[in-house]
Amino acid sequence: MLIDWPPHPMHPETGLRGYVLNVYVEPRARRRGLARRLMQLADDEFARRGVTYAILHATGQGRPLYERPGWIGTTEMAKALPAAPV
């Protein structure tokens, strides 16, 4: 998917960023190249749309899948915030 994001040193020319969300392969279907193919399709679609920077959040188990085609770890952190009272 594409998300609006202010220009950043890694993509100073655009306010868009690609975002890969929820790549999951059922355990019985793993080790067949399905996730690798999905990631290639995502890369191809980002290229088709002119996206020059993309992010994802990887589990420890999924990290090698993403590192092989060139994804790198970043210093991103996260925090769950409480809902505002209604």
PDB file of N, CA and C in Angstrom:
ATOM      1  N   MET A   1       0.828  -1.178   0.000  1.00  0.00           N
ATOM      2  CA  MET A   1       0.000   0.000   0.000  1.00  0.00           C
ATOM      3  C   MET A   1       0.876   1.246   0.000  1.00  0.00           C
ATOM      4  N   LEU A   2       0.294   2.377  -0.320  1.00  0.00           N
ATOM      5  CA  LEU A   2       1.006   3.652  -0.289  1.00  0.00           C
ATOM      6  C   LEU A   2       0.480   4.466   0.875  1.00  0.00           C
ATOM      7  N   ILE A   3       1.374   5.127   1.581  1.00  0.00           N
ATOM      8  CA  ILE A   3       0.958   5.994   2.674  1.00  0.00           C
ATOM      9  C   ILE A   3       1.576   7.372   2.488  1.00  0.00           C
ATOM     10  N   ASP A   4       0.818   8.391   2.856  1.00  0.00           N
ATOM     11  CA  ASP A   4       1.355   9.754   2.843  1.00  0.00           C
ATOM     12  C   ASP A   4       2.371   9.860   3.961  1.00  0.00           C
ATOM     13  N   TRP A   5       3.515  10.424   3.649  1.00  0.00           N
ATOM     14  CA  TRP A   5       4.577  10.563   4.641  1.00  0.00           C
ATOM     15  C   TRP A   5       5.405  11.769   4.247  1.00  0.00           C
ATOM     16  N   PRO A   6       5.741  12.624   5.169  1.00  0.00           N
ATOM     17  CA  PRO A   6       6.552  13.781   4.780  1.00  0.00           C
ATOM     18  C   PRO A   6       7.865  13.343   4.133  1.00  0.00           C
ATOM     19  N   PRO A   7       8.391  14.138   3.221  1.00  0.00           N
ATOM     20  CA  PRO A   7       9.693  13.798   2.646  1.00  0.00           C
ATOM     21  C   PRO A   7      10.715  13.511   3.754  1.00  0.00           C
ATOM     22  N   HIS A   8      11.630  12.647   3.432  1.00  0.00           N
ATOM     23  CA  HIS A   8      12.571  12.107   4.414  1.00  0.00           C
ATOM     24  C   HIS A   8      13.931  12.019   3.728  1.00  0.00           C
ATOM     25  N   PRO A   9      15.042  12.015   4.460  1.00  0.00           N
ATOM     26  CA  PRO A   9      16.349  11.917   3.796  1.00  0.00           C
ATOM     27  C   PRO A   9      16.475  10.702   2.862  1.00  0.00           C
ATOM     28  N   MET A  10      15.759   9.619   3.158  1.00  0.00           N
ATOM     29  CA  MET A  10      15.827   8.440   2.284  1.00  0.00           C
ATOM     30  C   MET A  10      14.930   8.577   1.050  1.00  0.00           C
ATOM     31  N   HIS A  11      13.979   9.508   1.071  1.00  0.00           N
ATOM     32  CA  HIS A  11      13.111   9.766  -0.079  1.00  0.00           C
ATOM     33  C   HIS A  11      12.706  11.243  -0.078  1.00  0.00           C
ATOM     34  N   PRO A  12      13.680  12.147  -0.308  1.00  0.00           N
ATOM     35  CA  PRO A  12      13.411  13.592  -0.200  1.00  0.00           C
ATOM     36  C   PRO A  12      12.524  14.148  -1.310  1.00  0.00           C
ATOM     37  N   GLU A  13      12.354  13.408  -2.383  1.00  0.00           N
ATOM     38  CA  GLU A  13      11.628  13.956  -3.528  1.00  0.00           C
ATOM     39  C   GLU A  13      10.135  13.665  -3.495  1.00  0.00           C
ATOM     40  N   THR A  14       9.661  12.905  -2.514  1.00  0.00           N
ATOM     41  CA  THR A  14       8.248  12.544  -2.515  1.00  0.00           C
ATOM     42  C   THR A  14       7.690  12.444  -1.102  1.00  0.00           C
ATOM     43  N   GLY A  15       6.395  12.665  -0.994  1.00  0.00           N
ATOM     44  CA  GLY A  15       5.699  12.526   0.278  1.00  0.00           C
ATOM     45  C   GLY A  15       4.941  11.215   0.359  1.00  0.00           C
ATOM     46  N   LEU A  16       5.356  10.234  -0.427  1.00  0.00           N
ATOM     47  CA  LEU A  16       4.734   8.908  -0.390  1.00  0.00           C
ATOM     48  C   LEU A  16       5.758   7.869   0.013  1.00  0.00           C
ATOM     49  N   ARG A  17       5.281   6.840   0.626  1.00  0.00           N
ATOM     50  CA  ARG A  17       6.135   5.740   1.040  1.00  0.00           C
ATOM     51  C   ARG A  17       5.343   4.457   0.819  1.00  0.00           C
ATOM     52  N   GLY A  18       6.020   3.440   0.328  1.00  0.00           N
ATOM     53  CA  GLY A  18       5.381   2.141   0.227  1.00  0.00           C
ATOM     54  C   GLY A  18       5.341   1.483   1.597  1.00  0.00           C
ATOM     55  N   TYR A  19       4.337   0.666   1.826  1.00  0.00           N
ATOM     56  CA  TYR A  19       4.213  -0.027   3.103  1.00  0.00           C
ATOM     57  C   TYR A  19       3.708  -1.438   2.843  1.00  0.00           C
ATOM     58  N   VAL A  20       4.477  -2.411   3.263  1.00  0.00           N
ATOM     59  CA  VAL A  20       4.085  -3.819   3.140  1.00  0.00           C
ATOM     60  C   VAL A  20       3.498  -4.221   4.481  1.00  0.00           C
ATOM     61  N   LEU A  21       2.296  -4.729   4.458  1.00  0.00           N
ATOM     62  CA  LEU A  21       1.569  -5.028   5.685  1.00  0.00           C
ATOM     63  C   LEU A  21       1.026  -6.456   5.662  1.00  0.00           C
ATOM     64  N   ASN A  22       1.283  -7.179   6.722  1.00  0.00           N
ATOM     65  CA  ASN A  22       0.674  -8.492   6.959  1.00  0.00           C
ATOM     66  C   ASN A  22       0.982  -9.556   5.905  1.00  0.00           C
ATOM     67  N   VAL A  23       2.253  -9.748   5.622  1.00  0.00           N
ATOM     68  CA  VAL A  23       2.643 -10.880   4.774  1.00  0.00           C
ATOM     69  C   VAL A  23       2.582 -12.128   5.651  1.00  0.00           C
ATOM     70  N   TYR A  24       1.767 -13.068   5.272  1.00  0.00           N
ATOM     71  CA  TYR A  24       1.601 -14.279   6.081  1.00  0.00           C
ATOM     72  C   TYR A  24       1.313 -15.455   5.165  1.00  0.00           C
ATOM     73  N   VAL A  25       1.998 -16.559   5.422  1.00  0.00           N
ATOM     74  CA  VAL A  25       1.756 -17.803   4.699  1.00  0.00           C
ATOM     75  C   VAL A  25       1.413 -18.864   5.743  1.00  0.00           C
ATOM     76  N   GLU A  26       0.325 -19.567   5.517  1.00  0.00           N
ATOM     77  CA  GLU A  26      -0.087 -20.634   6.435  1.00  0.00           C
ATOM     78  C   GLU A  26       1.079 -21.608   6.623  1.00  0.00           C
ATOM     79  N   PRO A  27       1.274 -22.092   7.851  1.00  0.00           N
ATOM     80  CA  PRO A  27       2.415 -22.981   8.114  1.00  0.00           C
ATOM     81  C   PRO A  27       2.536 -24.162   7.151  1.00  0.00           C
ATOM     82  N   ARG A  28       1.441 -24.777   6.784  1.00  0.00           N
ATOM     83  CA  ARG A  28       1.528 -25.953   5.903  1.00  0.00           C
ATOM     84  C   ARG A  28       1.900 -25.593   4.457  1.00  0.00           C
ATOM     85  N   ALA A  29       1.853 -24.294   4.120  1.00  0.00           N
ATOM     86  CA  ALA A  29       2.192 -23.862   2.755  1.00  0.00           C
ATOM     87  C   ALA A  29       3.553 -23.171   2.685  1.00  0.00           C
ATOM     88  N   ARG A  30       4.272 -23.138   3.786  1.00  0.00           N
ATOM     89  CA  ARG A  30       5.556 -22.441   3.816  1.00  0.00           C
ATOM     90  C   ARG A  30       6.656 -23.243   3.113  1.00  0.00           C
ATOM     91  N   ARG A  31       7.761 -22.545   2.857  1.00  0.00           N
ATOM     92  CA  ARG A  31       8.963 -23.121   2.222  1.00  0.00           C
ATOM     93  C   ARG A  31       8.716 -23.498   0.761  1.00  0.00           C
ATOM     94  N   ARG A  32       7.812 -22.793   0.108  1.00  0.00           N
ATOM     95  CA  ARG A  32       7.516 -23.027  -1.314  1.00  0.00           C
ATOM     96  C   ARG A  32       7.759 -21.785  -2.163  1.00  0.00           C
ATOM     97  N   GLY A  33       8.263 -20.725  -1.524  1.00  0.00           N
ATOM     98  CA  GLY A  33       8.540 -19.508  -2.272  1.00  0.00           C
ATOM     99  C   GLY A  33       7.360 -18.559  -2.392  1.00  0.00           C
ATOM    100  N   LEU A  34       6.259 -18.821  -1.692  1.00  0.00           N
ATOM    101  CA  LEU A  34       5.078 -17.965  -1.813  1.00  0.00           C
ATOM    102  C   LEU A  34       5.338 -16.556  -1.279  1.00  0.00           C
ATOM    103  N   ALA A  35       5.904 -16.455  -0.093  1.00  0.00           N
ATOM    104  CA  ALA A  35       6.182 -15.130   0.475  1.00  0.00           C
ATOM    105  C   ALA A  35       7.217 -14.385  -0.367  1.00  0.00           C
ATOM    106  N   ARG A  36       8.208 -15.096  -0.855  1.00  0.00           N
ATOM    107  CA  ARG A  36       9.216 -14.467  -1.716  1.00  0.00           C
ATOM    108  C   ARG A  36       8.544 -13.903  -2.970  1.00  0.00           C
ATOM    109  N   ARG A  37       7.613 -14.654  -3.541  1.00  0.00           N
ATOM    110  CA  ARG A  37       6.895 -14.190  -4.742  1.00  0.00           C
ATOM    111  C   ARG A  37       6.010 -12.981  -4.419  1.00  0.00           C
ATOM    112  N   LEU A  38       5.325 -13.022  -3.270  1.00  0.00           N
ATOM    113  CA  LEU A  38       4.505 -11.877  -2.870  1.00  0.00           C
ATOM    114  C   LEU A  38       5.359 -10.617  -2.729  1.00  0.00           C
ATOM    115  N   MET A  39       6.534 -10.777  -2.134  1.00  0.00           N
ATOM    116  CA  MET A  39       7.416  -9.621  -1.966  1.00  0.00           C
ATOM    117  C   MET A  39       7.926  -9.107  -3.309  1.00  0.00           C
ATOM    118  N   GLN A  40       8.189 -10.006  -4.246  1.00  0.00           N
ATOM    119  CA  GLN A  40       8.612  -9.567  -5.577  1.00  0.00           C
ATOM    120  C   GLN A  40       7.489  -8.790  -6.261  1.00  0.00           C
ATOM    121  N   LEU A  41       6.264  -9.273  -6.115  1.00  0.00           N
ATOM    122  CA  LEU A  41       5.122  -8.555  -6.688  1.00  0.00           C
ATOM    123  C   LEU A  41       4.970  -7.175  -6.051  1.00  0.00           C
ATOM    124  N   ALA A  42       5.183  -7.079  -4.734  1.00  0.00           N
ATOM    125  CA  ALA A  42       5.119  -5.777  -4.067  1.00  0.00           C
ATOM    126  C   ALA A  42       6.198  -4.844  -4.615  1.00  0.00           C
ATOM    127  N   ASP A  43       7.426  -5.345  -4.736  1.00  0.00           N
ATOM    128  CA  ASP A  43       8.514  -4.527  -5.289  1.00  0.00           C
ATOM    129  C   ASP A  43       8.182  -4.068  -6.703  1.00  0.00           C
ATOM    130  N   ASP A  44       7.649  -4.967  -7.507  1.00  0.00           N
ATOM    131  CA  ASP A  44       7.285  -4.621  -8.884  1.00  0.00           C
ATOM    132  C   ASP A  44       6.213  -3.537  -8.915  1.00  0.00           C
ATOM    133  N   GLU A  45       5.222  -3.665  -8.039  1.00  0.00           N
ATOM    134  CA  GLU A  45       4.142  -2.670  -8.000  1.00  0.00           C
ATOM    135  C   GLU A  45       4.645  -1.325  -7.502  1.00  0.00           C
ATOM    136  N   PHE A  46       5.520  -1.329  -6.505  1.00  0.00           N
ATOM    137  CA  PHE A  46       6.106  -0.069  -6.063  1.00  0.00           C
ATOM    138  C   PHE A  46       6.846   0.596  -7.225  1.00  0.00           C
ATOM    139  N   ALA A  47       7.620  -0.177  -7.955  1.00  0.00           N
ATOM    140  CA  ALA A  47       8.356   0.375  -9.098  1.00  0.00           C
ATOM    141  C   ALA A  47       7.395   0.933 -10.141  1.00  0.00           C
ATOM    142  N   ARG A  48       6.329   0.208 -10.423  1.00  0.00           N
ATOM    143  CA  ARG A  48       5.349   0.656 -11.412  1.00  0.00           C
ATOM    144  C   ARG A  48       4.722   1.987 -11.003  1.00  0.00           C
ATOM    145  N   ARG A  49       4.543   2.181  -9.698  1.00  0.00           N
ATOM    146  CA  ARG A  49       3.925   3.406  -9.194  1.00  0.00           C
ATOM    147  C   ARG A  49       4.944   4.506  -8.894  1.00  0.00           C
ATOM    148  N   GLY A  50       6.220   4.248  -9.136  1.00  0.00           N
ATOM    149  CA  GLY A  50       7.248   5.252  -8.925  1.00  0.00           C
ATOM    150  C   GLY A  50       7.642   5.440  -7.468  1.00  0.00           C
ATOM    151  N   VAL A  51       7.335   4.475  -6.624  1.00  0.00           N
ATOM    152  CA  VAL A  51       7.685   4.555  -5.203  1.00  0.00           C
ATOM    153  C   VAL A  51       9.166   4.226  -5.059  1.00  0.00           C
ATOM    154  N   THR A  52       9.895   5.090  -4.353  1.00  0.00           N
ATOM    155  CA  THR A  52      11.343   4.901  -4.223  1.00  0.00           C
ATOM    156  C   THR A  52      11.772   4.493  -2.822  1.00  0.00           C
ATOM    157  N   TYR A  53      10.827   4.372  -1.895  1.00  0.00           N
ATOM    158  CA  TYR A  53      11.164   3.980  -0.522  1.00  0.00           C
ATOM    159  C   TYR A  53       9.966   3.256   0.066  1.00  0.00           C
ATOM    160  N   ALA A  54      10.221   2.135   0.708  1.00  0.00           N
ATOM    161  CA  ALA A  54       9.140   1.357   1.313  1.00  0.00           C
ATOM    162  C   ALA A  54       9.583   0.829   2.670  1.00  0.00           C
ATOM    163  N   ILE A  55       8.622   0.570   3.531  1.00  0.00           N
ATOM    164  CA  ILE A  55       8.896   0.054   4.862  1.00  0.00           C
ATOM    165  C   ILE A  55       8.032  -1.170   5.136  1.00  0.00           C
ATOM    166  N   LEU A  56       8.434  -1.930   6.133  1.00  0.00           N
ATOM    167  CA  LEU A  56       7.635  -3.025   6.670  1.00  0.00           C
ATOM    168  C   LEU A  56       8.135  -3.309   8.067  1.00  0.00           C
ATOM    169  N   HIS A  57       7.366  -4.052   8.813  1.00  0.00           N
ATOM    170  CA  HIS A  57       7.778  -4.491  10.145  1.00  0.00           C
ATOM    171  C   HIS A  57       7.934  -5.996  10.078  1.00  0.00           C
ATOM    172  N   ALA A  58       9.091  -6.490  10.445  1.00  0.00           N
ATOM    173  CA  ALA A  58       9.406  -7.916  10.313  1.00  0.00           C
ATOM    174  C   ALA A  58       9.466  -8.599  11.668  1.00  0.00           C
ATOM    175  N   THR A  59       8.946  -9.804  11.707  1.00  0.00           N
ATOM    176  CA  THR A  59       9.166 -10.651  12.875  1.00  0.00           C
ATOM    177  C   THR A  59      10.558 -11.257  12.746  1.00  0.00           C
ATOM    178  N   GLY A  60      11.056 -11.808  13.830  1.00  0.00           N
ATOM    179  CA  GLY A  60      12.342 -12.497  13.754  1.00  0.00           C
ATOM    180  C   GLY A  60      12.317 -13.626  12.744  1.00  0.00           C
ATOM    181  N   GLN A  61      11.204 -14.329  12.663  1.00  0.00           N
ATOM    182  CA  GLN A  61      11.079 -15.439  11.721  1.00  0.00           C
ATOM    183  C   GLN A  61      11.064 -14.945  10.275  1.00  0.00           C
ATOM    184  N   GLY A  62      10.444 -13.797  10.033  1.00  0.00           N
ATOM    185  CA  GLY A  62      10.344 -13.292   8.668  1.00  0.00           C
ATOM    186  C   GLY A  62      11.540 -12.486   8.197  1.00  0.00           C
ATOM    187  N   ARG A  63      12.365 -12.032   9.125  1.00  0.00           N
ATOM    188  CA  ARG A  63      13.482 -11.149   8.771  1.00  0.00           C
ATOM    189  C   ARG A  63      14.369 -11.698   7.637  1.00  0.00           C
ATOM    190  N   PRO A  64      14.789 -12.970   7.655  1.00  0.00           N
ATOM    191  CA  PRO A  64      15.648 -13.452   6.556  1.00  0.00           C
ATOM    192  C   PRO A  64      14.983 -13.346   5.179  1.00  0.00           C
ATOM    193  N   LEU A  65      13.674 -13.530   5.125  1.00  0.00           N
ATOM    194  CA  LEU A  65      12.946 -13.400   3.859  1.00  0.00           C
ATOM    195  C   LEU A  65      13.134 -12.005   3.278  1.00  0.00           C
ATOM    196  N   TYR A  66      13.080 -10.994   4.128  1.00  0.00           N
ATOM    197  CA  TYR A  66      13.176  -9.615   3.660  1.00  0.00           C
ATOM    198  C   TYR A  66      14.622  -9.177   3.433  1.00  0.00           C
ATOM    199  N   GLU A  67      15.533  -9.680   4.223  1.00  0.00           N
ATOM    200  CA  GLU A  67      16.935  -9.281   4.072  1.00  0.00           C
ATOM    201  C   GLU A  67      17.528  -9.769   2.754  1.00  0.00           C
ATOM    202  N   ARG A  68      17.157 -10.948   2.300  1.00  0.00           N
ATOM    203  CA  ARG A  68      17.737 -11.492   1.058  1.00  0.00           C
ATOM    204  C   ARG A  68      17.576 -10.552  -0.130  1.00  0.00           C
ATOM    205  N   PRO A  69      16.383  -9.971  -0.363  1.00  0.00           N
ATOM    206  CA  PRO A  69      16.264  -9.054  -1.512  1.00  0.00           C
ATOM    207  C   PRO A  69      16.639  -7.605  -1.212  1.00  0.00           C
ATOM    208  N   GLY A  70      17.254  -7.343  -0.029  1.00  0.00           N
ATOM    209  CA  GLY A  70      17.799  -6.016   0.206  1.00  0.00           C
ATOM    210  C   GLY A  70      17.126  -5.148   1.247  1.00  0.00           C
ATOM    211  N   TRP A  71      16.079  -5.613   1.899  1.00  0.00           N
ATOM    212  CA  TRP A  71      15.488  -4.832   2.988  1.00  0.00           C
ATOM    213  C   TRP A  71      16.491  -4.788   4.140  1.00  0.00           C
ATOM    214  N   ILE A  72      16.536  -3.661   4.837  1.00  0.00           N
ATOM    215  CA  ILE A  72      17.453  -3.517   5.964  1.00  0.00           C
ATOM    216  C   ILE A  72      16.683  -3.085   7.213  1.00  0.00           C
ATOM    217  N   GLY A  73      17.229  -3.406   8.367  1.00  0.00           N
ATOM    218  CA  GLY A  73      16.621  -2.979   9.623  1.00  0.00           C
ATOM    219  C   GLY A  73      16.804  -1.488   9.823  1.00  0.00           C
ATOM    220  N   THR A  74      15.847  -0.865  10.514  1.00  0.00           N
ATOM    221  CA  THR A  74      15.940   0.554  10.827  1.00  0.00           C
ATOM    222  C   THR A  74      15.849   0.733  12.339  1.00  0.00           C
ATOM    223  N   THR A  75      15.850   1.956  12.763  1.00  0.00           N
ATOM    224  CA  THR A  75      15.792   2.252  14.193  1.00  0.00           C
ATOM    225  C   THR A  75      14.375   2.568  14.659  1.00  0.00           C
ATOM    226  N   GLU A  76      13.379   2.227  13.889  1.00  0.00           N
ATOM    227  CA  GLU A  76      12.003   2.545  14.244  1.00  0.00           C
ATOM    228  C   GLU A  76      11.592   1.925  15.583  1.00  0.00           C
ATOM    229  N   MET A  77      10.793   2.661  16.310  1.00  0.00           N
ATOM    230  CA  MET A  77      10.243   2.183  17.578  1.00  0.00           C
ATOM    231  C   MET A  77       8.725   2.389  17.523  1.00  0.00           C
ATOM    232  N   ALA A  78       8.008   1.760  18.431  1.00  0.00           N
ATOM    233  CA  ALA A  78       6.553   1.885  18.448  1.00  0.00           C
ATOM    234  C   ALA A  78       6.060   1.976  19.885  1.00  0.00           C
ATOM    235  N   LYS A  79       4.863   2.538  20.036  1.00  0.00           N
ATOM    236  CA  LYS A  79       4.233   2.641  21.348  1.00  0.00           C
ATOM    237  C   LYS A  79       2.728   2.571  21.159  1.00  0.00           C
ATOM    238  N   ALA A  80       2.060   1.729  21.924  1.00  0.00           N
ATOM    239  CA  ALA A  80       0.601   1.697  21.919  1.00  0.00           C
ATOM    240  C   ALA A  80       0.110   2.842  22.796  1.00  0.00           C
ATOM    241  N   LEU A  81      -0.832   3.609  22.310  1.00  0.00           N
ATOM    242  CA  LEU A  81      -1.349   4.753  23.053  1.00  0.00           C
ATOM    243  C   LEU A  81      -2.763   4.454  23.550  1.00  0.00           C
ATOM    244  N   PRO A  82      -3.100   4.905  24.741  1.00  0.00           N
ATOM    245  CA  PRO A  82      -4.450   4.649  25.244  1.00  0.00           C
ATOM    246  C   PRO A  82      -5.476   5.445  24.423  1.00  0.00           C
ATOM    247  N   ALA A  83      -6.653   4.879  24.309  1.00  0.00           N
ATOM    248  CA  ALA A  83      -7.718   5.555  23.579  1.00  0.00           C
ATOM    249  C   ALA A  83      -8.183   6.777  24.365  1.00  0.00           C
ATOM    250  N   ALA A  84      -8.536   7.821  23.660  1.00  0.00           N
ATOM    251  CA  ALA A  84      -9.053   9.013  24.307  1.00  0.00           C
ATOM    252  C   ALA A  84     -10.434   8.720  24.880  1.00  0.00           C
ATOM    253  N   PRO A  85     -10.750   9.269  26.029  1.00  0.00           N
ATOM    254  CA  PRO A  85     -12.089   9.053  26.594  1.00  0.00           C
ATOM    255  C   PRO A  85     -13.150   9.610  25.650  1.00  0.00           C
ATOM    256  N   VAL A  86     -14.241   8.902  25.585  1.00  0.00           N
ATOM    257  CA  VAL A  86     -15.339   9.341  24.680  1.00  0.00           C
ATOM    258  C   VAL A  86     -16.351  10.145  25.429  1.00  0.00           C
TER     259      VAL A  86
END
